[in-house]
Amino acid sequence: RASVDAATKDALALVFSAKGNYLQEILVDEAVRAADALSRNAMTQAWRVLGANAPVALALGVLAPPVALVPGLNLPILLSLIAAQNNGVVTLTLDDKRNLALLRSVATLVAPDFAARLREGGGAGSLNRSERGALNRVSSMNSKASPTNQLTAEEVRRVTQLVTELGPAVAPGARRMTNEFITQFSKRVVERSREDFGKLPGG
């Protein structure tokens, strides 16, 4: 017996139309903002690690000159030296911090393990005291309300049936949204990378 009525399927087909609509634009924009914040957080950590390893890179260049002269192999050495001298080039903006805080709040509710990794990654560590306080209050409420992560066999069967029934209705819009997300996110990464390189001496 079908678990989704025809009206619901028609509504989903309208929302996930292959022609696109305003709701799809909002969903894609929010997804891009979330992915941008996560990638920026990872980039900030990587840049900090490169800068911290500059003495090792410099020692390697001195002790093994051939390695430092080989194109490609010397890239980590060069990046470490550049990062050490320009540690403020790759940073998190206020919007990045807010997006990471929101992601951590949502993750605490639906995926506690991911939330813990995000917290350890420093995404929320760069927030000010008031922002951390608000985030901790939300996380506390969410942790108390979080349901168990285990699904019964019957629940798995129902979810599988639901996905099977709704797949044809949402697939066209989902493909369109995926392509739009890839385009917008790639453009955003290029823009921010260009901004970072512009901060370097001579950029």
C-alpha atoms as a PDB file:
ATOM      1  CA  ARG A   1       0.000   0.000   0.000  1.00  0.00           C
ATOM      2  CA  ALA A   2       1.312   3.440  -0.933  1.00  0.00           C
ATOM      3  CA  SER A   3       2.432   5.504   2.071  1.00  0.00           C
ATOM      4  CA  VAL A   4       2.433   8.828   0.192  1.00  0.00           C
ATOM      5  CA  ASP A   5      -0.785  10.231  -1.220  1.00  0.00           C
ATOM      6  CA  ALA A   6      -1.086  11.644  -4.725  1.00  0.00           C
ATOM      7  CA  ALA A   7      -1.407  15.246  -3.510  1.00  0.00           C
ATOM      8  CA  THR A   8       1.913  15.024  -1.698  1.00  0.00           C
ATOM      9  CA  LYS A   9       3.623  13.569  -4.761  1.00  0.00           C
ATOM     10  CA  ASP A  10       2.182  16.342  -6.940  1.00  0.00           C
ATOM     11  CA  ALA A  11       3.406  18.974  -4.473  1.00  0.00           C
ATOM     12  CA  LEU A  12       6.901  17.474  -4.415  1.00  0.00           C
ATOM     13  CA  ALA A  13       6.946  17.268  -8.202  1.00  0.00           C
ATOM     14  CA  LEU A  14       6.120  20.982  -8.288  1.00  0.00           C
ATOM     15  CA  VAL A  15       8.778  21.910  -5.724  1.00  0.00           C
ATOM     16  CA  PHE A  16      11.418  19.718  -7.391  1.00  0.00           C
ATOM     17  CA  SER A  17      10.519  20.745 -10.899  1.00  0.00           C
ATOM     18  CA  ALA A  18      13.245  20.394 -13.527  1.00  0.00           C
ATOM     19  CA  LYS A  19      12.468  23.984 -14.582  1.00  0.00           C
ATOM     20  CA  GLY A  20      13.507  25.324 -11.195  1.00  0.00           C
ATOM     21  CA  ASN A  21      11.772  27.696  -8.790  1.00  0.00           C
ATOM     22  CA  TYR A  22      12.409  30.139  -5.964  1.00  0.00           C
ATOM     23  CA  LEU A  23      12.456  27.458  -3.261  1.00  0.00           C
ATOM     24  CA  GLN A  24      15.143  25.537  -5.105  1.00  0.00           C
ATOM     25  CA  GLU A  25      17.237  28.708  -5.321  1.00  0.00           C
ATOM     26  CA  ILE A  26      16.965  29.191  -1.563  1.00  0.00           C
ATOM     27  CA  LEU A  27      17.947  25.581  -0.853  1.00  0.00           C
ATOM     28  CA  VAL A  28      20.924  25.760  -3.205  1.00  0.00           C
ATOM     29  CA  ASP A  29      22.078  29.095  -1.751  1.00  0.00           C
ATOM     30  CA  GLU A  30      21.974  27.713   1.788  1.00  0.00           C
ATOM     31  CA  ALA A  31      23.802  24.556   0.725  1.00  0.00           C
ATOM     32  CA  VAL A  32      26.525  26.644  -0.922  1.00  0.00           C
ATOM     33  CA  ARG A  33      26.884  28.789   2.202  1.00  0.00           C
ATOM     34  CA  ALA A  34      27.239  25.674   4.367  1.00  0.00           C
ATOM     35  CA  ALA A  35      29.765  24.008   2.059  1.00  0.00           C
ATOM     36  CA  ASP A  36      31.709  27.253   1.737  1.00  0.00           C
ATOM     37  CA  ALA A  37      31.961  27.626   5.511  1.00  0.00           C
ATOM     38  CA  LEU A  38      33.108  24.024   5.967  1.00  0.00           C
ATOM     39  CA  SER A  39      35.691  24.218   3.198  1.00  0.00           C
ATOM     40  CA  ARG A  40      36.901  27.575   4.508  1.00  0.00           C
ATOM     41  CA  ASN A  41      37.292  26.140   7.992  1.00  0.00           C
ATOM     42  CA  ALA A  42      39.354  23.259   6.586  1.00  0.00           C
ATOM     43  CA  MET A  43      41.448  25.660   4.524  1.00  0.00           C
ATOM     44  CA  THR A  44      42.113  27.864   7.546  1.00  0.00           C
ATOM     45  CA  GLN A  45      43.335  24.888   9.550  1.00  0.00           C
ATOM     46  CA  ALA A  46      45.506  23.645   6.679  1.00  0.00           C
ATOM     47  CA  TRP A  47      47.078  27.094   6.258  1.00  0.00           C
ATOM     48  CA  ARG A  48      47.809  27.251   9.989  1.00  0.00           C
ATOM     49  CA  VAL A  49      49.429  23.805   9.917  1.00  0.00           C
ATOM     50  CA  LEU A  50      51.569  24.779   6.927  1.00  0.00           C
ATOM     51  CA  GLY A  51      52.785  27.867   8.753  1.00  0.00           C
ATOM     52  CA  ALA A  52      53.570  25.893  11.899  1.00  0.00           C
ATOM     53  CA  ASN A  53      55.642  23.402   9.867  1.00  0.00           C
ATOM     54  CA  ALA A  54      57.749  26.102   8.220  1.00  0.00           C
ATOM     55  CA  PRO A  55      60.861  25.326  10.345  1.00  0.00           C
ATOM     56  CA  VAL A  56      60.674  21.684   9.273  1.00  0.00           C
ATOM     57  CA  ALA A  57      60.246  22.690   5.648  1.00  0.00           C
ATOM     58  CA  LEU A  58      63.167  25.082   5.882  1.00  0.00           C
ATOM     59  CA  ALA A  59      65.369  22.427   7.468  1.00  0.00           C
ATOM     60  CA  LEU A  60      64.414  19.967   4.727  1.00  0.00           C
ATOM     61  CA  GLY A  61      65.327  22.529   2.080  1.00  0.00           C
ATOM     62  CA  VAL A  62      68.724  23.057   3.695  1.00  0.00           C
ATOM     63  CA  LEU A  63      69.491  19.392   4.390  1.00  0.00           C
ATOM     64  CA  ALA A  64      68.133  18.070   1.107  1.00  0.00           C
ATOM     65  CA  PRO A  65      68.655  20.789  -1.518  1.00  0.00           C
ATOM     66  CA  PRO A  66      67.722  18.541  -4.463  1.00  0.00           C
ATOM     67  CA  VAL A  67      64.226  18.088  -3.027  1.00  0.00           C
ATOM     68  CA  ALA A  68      63.784  21.835  -2.627  1.00  0.00           C
ATOM     69  CA  LEU A  69      64.686  22.349  -6.278  1.00  0.00           C
ATOM     70  CA  VAL A  70      62.390  19.742  -7.837  1.00  0.00           C
ATOM     71  CA  PRO A  71      59.185  21.332  -9.195  1.00  0.00           C
ATOM     72  CA  GLY A  72      56.158  19.797  -7.531  1.00  0.00           C
ATOM     73  CA  LEU A  73      58.086  18.172  -4.693  1.00  0.00           C
ATOM     74  CA  ASN A  74      59.096  21.576  -3.367  1.00  0.00           C
ATOM     75  CA  LEU A  75      55.517  22.864  -3.310  1.00  0.00           C
ATOM     76  CA  PRO A  76      54.869  21.945   0.369  1.00  0.00           C
ATOM     77  CA  ILE A  77      58.131  23.645   1.334  1.00  0.00           C
ATOM     78  CA  LEU A  78      57.229  26.818  -0.516  1.00  0.00           C
ATOM     79  CA  LEU A  79      53.685  26.857   0.836  1.00  0.00           C
ATOM     80  CA  SER A  80      54.922  26.384   4.396  1.00  0.00           C
ATOM     81  CA  LEU A  81      57.313  29.287   4.107  1.00  0.00           C
ATOM     82  CA  ILE A  82      54.644  31.507   2.546  1.00  0.00           C
ATOM     83  CA  ALA A  83      52.074  30.546   5.194  1.00  0.00           C
ATOM     84  CA  ALA A  84      54.517  31.282   8.007  1.00  0.00           C
ATOM     85  CA  GLN A  85      55.062  34.803   6.702  1.00  0.00           C
ATOM     86  CA  ASN A  86      51.391  35.419   5.875  1.00  0.00           C
ATOM     87  CA  ASN A  87      49.384  33.647   8.567  1.00  0.00           C
ATOM     88  CA  GLY A  88      46.513  36.149   8.306  1.00  0.00           C
ATOM     89  CA  VAL A  89      45.823  35.560   4.625  1.00  0.00           C
ATOM     90  CA  VAL A  90      43.373  32.683   5.049  1.00  0.00           C
ATOM     91  CA  THR A  91      40.884  33.477   7.810  1.00  0.00           C
ATOM     92  CA  LEU A  92      37.248  32.946   8.739  1.00  0.00           C
ATOM     93  CA  THR A  93      34.859  35.827   8.237  1.00  0.00           C
ATOM     94  CA  LEU A  94      32.019  36.596  10.635  1.00  0.00           C
ATOM     95  CA  ASP A  95      29.591  34.951   8.206  1.00  0.00           C
ATOM     96  CA  ASP A  96      31.790  31.841   8.155  1.00  0.00           C
ATOM     97  CA  LYS A  97      31.687  31.657  11.950  1.00  0.00           C
ATOM     98  CA  ARG A  98      27.932  32.088  12.050  1.00  0.00           C
ATOM     99  CA  ASN A  99      27.388  29.432   9.395  1.00  0.00           C
ATOM    100  CA  LEU A 100      29.660  27.008  11.234  1.00  0.00           C
ATOM    101  CA  ALA A 101      27.807  27.667  14.479  1.00  0.00           C
ATOM    102  CA  LEU A 102      24.492  26.959  12.760  1.00  0.00           C
ATOM    103  CA  LEU A 103      25.863  23.784  11.179  1.00  0.00           C
ATOM    104  CA  ARG A 104      27.141  22.572  14.523  1.00  0.00           C
ATOM    105  CA  SER A 105      23.745  23.176  16.121  1.00  0.00           C
ATOM    106  CA  VAL A 106      21.973  21.206  13.409  1.00  0.00           C
ATOM    107  CA  ALA A 107      24.616  18.472  13.467  1.00  0.00           C
ATOM    108  CA  THR A 108      24.255  18.120  17.236  1.00  0.00           C
ATOM    109  CA  LEU A 109      20.609  17.261  16.696  1.00  0.00           C
ATOM    110  CA  VAL A 110      20.881  14.877  13.747  1.00  0.00           C
ATOM    111  CA  ALA A 111      24.516  13.685  13.811  1.00  0.00           C
ATOM    112  CA  PRO A 112      26.296  14.087  17.180  1.00  0.00           C
ATOM    113  CA  ASP A 113      29.521  12.455  15.916  1.00  0.00           C
ATOM    114  CA  PHE A 114      29.830  14.970  13.078  1.00  0.00           C
ATOM    115  CA  ALA A 115      29.121  17.793  15.509  1.00  0.00           C
ATOM    116  CA  ALA A 116      31.956  16.613  17.723  1.00  0.00           C
ATOM    117  CA  ARG A 117      34.362  16.564  14.764  1.00  0.00           C
ATOM    118  CA  LEU A 118      33.228  20.032  13.742  1.00  0.00           C
ATOM    119  CA  ARG A 119      33.794  21.276  17.285  1.00  0.00           C
ATOM    120  CA  GLU A 120      37.265  19.707  17.453  1.00  0.00           C
ATOM    121  CA  GLY A 121      38.069  21.243  14.076  1.00  0.00           C
ATOM    122  CA  GLY A 122      37.862  24.701  15.585  1.00  0.00           C
ATOM    123  CA  GLY A 123      34.820  25.886  13.689  1.00  0.00           C
ATOM    124  CA  ALA A 124      33.193  27.213  16.828  1.00  0.00           C
ATOM    125  CA  GLY A 125      36.391  27.923  18.689  1.00  0.00           C
ATOM    126  CA  SER A 126      36.846  31.252  16.927  1.00  0.00           C
ATOM    127  CA  LEU A 127      33.470  32.572  18.055  1.00  0.00           C
ATOM    128  CA  ASN A 128      33.271  35.261  20.694  1.00  0.00           C
ATOM    129  CA  ARG A 129      31.922  34.595  24.197  1.00  0.00           C
ATOM    130  CA  SER A 130      28.310  35.543  23.488  1.00  0.00           C
ATOM    131  CA  GLU A 131      28.216  33.492  20.275  1.00  0.00           C
ATOM    132  CA  ARG A 132      29.646  30.442  22.056  1.00  0.00           C
ATOM    133  CA  GLY A 133      27.138  30.866  24.887  1.00  0.00           C
ATOM    134  CA  ALA A 134      24.186  30.940  22.503  1.00  0.00           C
ATOM    135  CA  LEU A 135      25.559  27.966  20.605  1.00  0.00           C
ATOM    136  CA  ASN A 136      26.043  25.933  23.786  1.00  0.00           C
ATOM    137  CA  ARG A 137      22.484  26.656  24.896  1.00  0.00           C
ATOM    138  CA  VAL A 138      21.109  25.457  21.564  1.00  0.00           C
ATOM    139  CA  SER A 139      23.347  22.387  21.627  1.00  0.00           C
ATOM    140  CA  SER A 140      22.226  21.565  25.164  1.00  0.00           C
ATOM    141  CA  MET A 141      18.558  21.722  24.227  1.00  0.00           C
ATOM    142  CA  ASN A 142      19.159  19.664  21.098  1.00  0.00           C
ATOM    143  CA  SER A 143      21.100  16.957  22.921  1.00  0.00           C
ATOM    144  CA  LYS A 144      18.216  16.473  25.342  1.00  0.00           C
ATOM    145  CA  ALA A 145      15.725  16.203  22.522  1.00  0.00           C
ATOM    146  CA  SER A 146      17.817  14.032  20.217  1.00  0.00           C
ATOM    147  CA  PRO A 147      16.189  10.715  19.302  1.00  0.00           C
ATOM    148  CA  THR A 148      18.101   7.478  19.095  1.00  0.00           C
ATOM    149  CA  ASN A 149      20.199   6.988  15.990  1.00  0.00           C
ATOM    150  CA  GLN A 150      19.225   3.321  15.649  1.00  0.00           C
ATOM    151  CA  LEU A 151      16.458   2.330  13.226  1.00  0.00           C
ATOM    152  CA  THR A 152      14.360  -0.780  13.490  1.00  0.00           C
ATOM    153  CA  ALA A 153      13.879  -3.108  10.531  1.00  0.00           C
ATOM    154  CA  GLU A 154      10.345  -1.793  10.084  1.00  0.00           C
ATOM    155  CA  GLU A 155      11.564   1.799  10.041  1.00  0.00           C
ATOM    156  CA  VAL A 156      14.227   0.943   7.459  1.00  0.00           C
ATOM    157  CA  ARG A 157      11.553  -0.721   5.307  1.00  0.00           C
ATOM    158  CA  ARG A 158       9.336   2.351   5.526  1.00  0.00           C
ATOM    159  CA  VAL A 159      12.166   4.710   4.649  1.00  0.00           C
ATOM    160  CA  THR A 160      13.135   2.535   1.690  1.00  0.00           C
ATOM    161  CA  GLN A 161       9.540   2.456   0.486  1.00  0.00           C
ATOM    162  CA  LEU A 162       9.255   6.222   0.887  1.00  0.00           C
ATOM    163  CA  VAL A 163      12.434   6.844  -1.126  1.00  0.00           C
ATOM    164  CA  THR A 164      11.256   4.455  -3.841  1.00  0.00           C
ATOM    165  CA  GLU A 165       7.887   6.177  -4.137  1.00  0.00           C
ATOM    166  CA  LEU A 166       9.200   9.746  -4.035  1.00  0.00           C
ATOM    167  CA  GLY A 167      12.295   9.189  -6.181  1.00  0.00           C
ATOM    168  CA  PRO A 168      10.630   9.795  -9.569  1.00  0.00           C
ATOM    169  CA  ALA A 169       8.946  12.960  -8.274  1.00  0.00           C
ATOM    170  CA  VAL A 170      12.047  14.630  -6.816  1.00  0.00           C
ATOM    171  CA  ALA A 171      14.756  13.319  -9.167  1.00  0.00           C
ATOM    172  CA  PRO A 172      14.439  16.031 -11.894  1.00  0.00           C
ATOM    173  CA  GLY A 173      14.693  18.906  -9.434  1.00  0.00           C
ATOM    174  CA  ALA A 174      17.359  17.160  -7.387  1.00  0.00           C
ATOM    175  CA  ARG A 175      19.575  16.776 -10.475  1.00  0.00           C
ATOM    176  CA  ARG A 176      19.048  20.424 -11.387  1.00  0.00           C
ATOM    177  CA  MET A 177      19.843  21.567  -7.836  1.00  0.00           C
ATOM    178  CA  THR A 178      22.969  19.406  -7.741  1.00  0.00           C
ATOM    179  CA  ASN A 179      24.286  20.926 -10.965  1.00  0.00           C
ATOM    180  CA  GLU A 180      23.466  24.433  -9.759  1.00  0.00           C
ATOM    181  CA  PHE A 181      25.181  23.756  -6.443  1.00  0.00           C
ATOM    182  CA  ILE A 182      28.359  22.548  -8.160  1.00  0.00           C
ATOM    183  CA  THR A 183      28.420  25.630 -10.386  1.00  0.00           C
ATOM    184  CA  GLN A 184      27.849  28.135  -7.579  1.00  0.00           C
ATOM    185  CA  PHE A 185      30.184  26.449  -5.105  1.00  0.00           C
ATOM    186  CA  SER A 186      33.001  26.223  -7.651  1.00  0.00           C
ATOM    187  CA  LYS A 187      32.562  29.891  -8.473  1.00  0.00           C
ATOM    188  CA  ARG A 188      32.623  30.777  -4.776  1.00  0.00           C
ATOM    189  CA  VAL A 189      35.825  28.813  -4.173  1.00  0.00           C
ATOM    190  CA  VAL A 190      37.522  30.553  -7.097  1.00  0.00           C
ATOM    191  CA  GLU A 191      36.431  33.978  -5.854  1.00  0.00           C
ATOM    192  CA  ARG A 192      37.679  33.406  -2.323  1.00  0.00           C
ATOM    193  CA  SER A 193      40.953  31.912  -3.549  1.00  0.00           C
ATOM    194  CA  ARG A 194      41.482  34.979  -5.712  1.00  0.00           C
ATOM    195  CA  GLU A 195      40.853  37.185  -2.674  1.00  0.00           C
ATOM    196  CA  ASP A 196      43.397  35.213  -0.632  1.00  0.00           C
ATOM    197  CA  PHE A 197      46.092  35.438  -3.281  1.00  0.00           C
ATOM    198  CA  GLY A 198      45.416  39.157  -3.519  1.00  0.00           C
ATOM    199  CA  LYS A 199      46.443  39.523   0.130  1.00  0.00           C
ATOM    200  CA  LEU A 200      49.883  38.064  -0.511  1.00  0.00           C
ATOM    201  CA  PRO A 201      52.793  40.448  -1.093  1.00  0.00           C
ATOM    202  CA  GLY A 202      52.760  41.476  -4.726  1.00  0.00           C
ATOM    203  CA  GLY A 203      49.254  40.019  -5.171  1.00  0.00           C
END
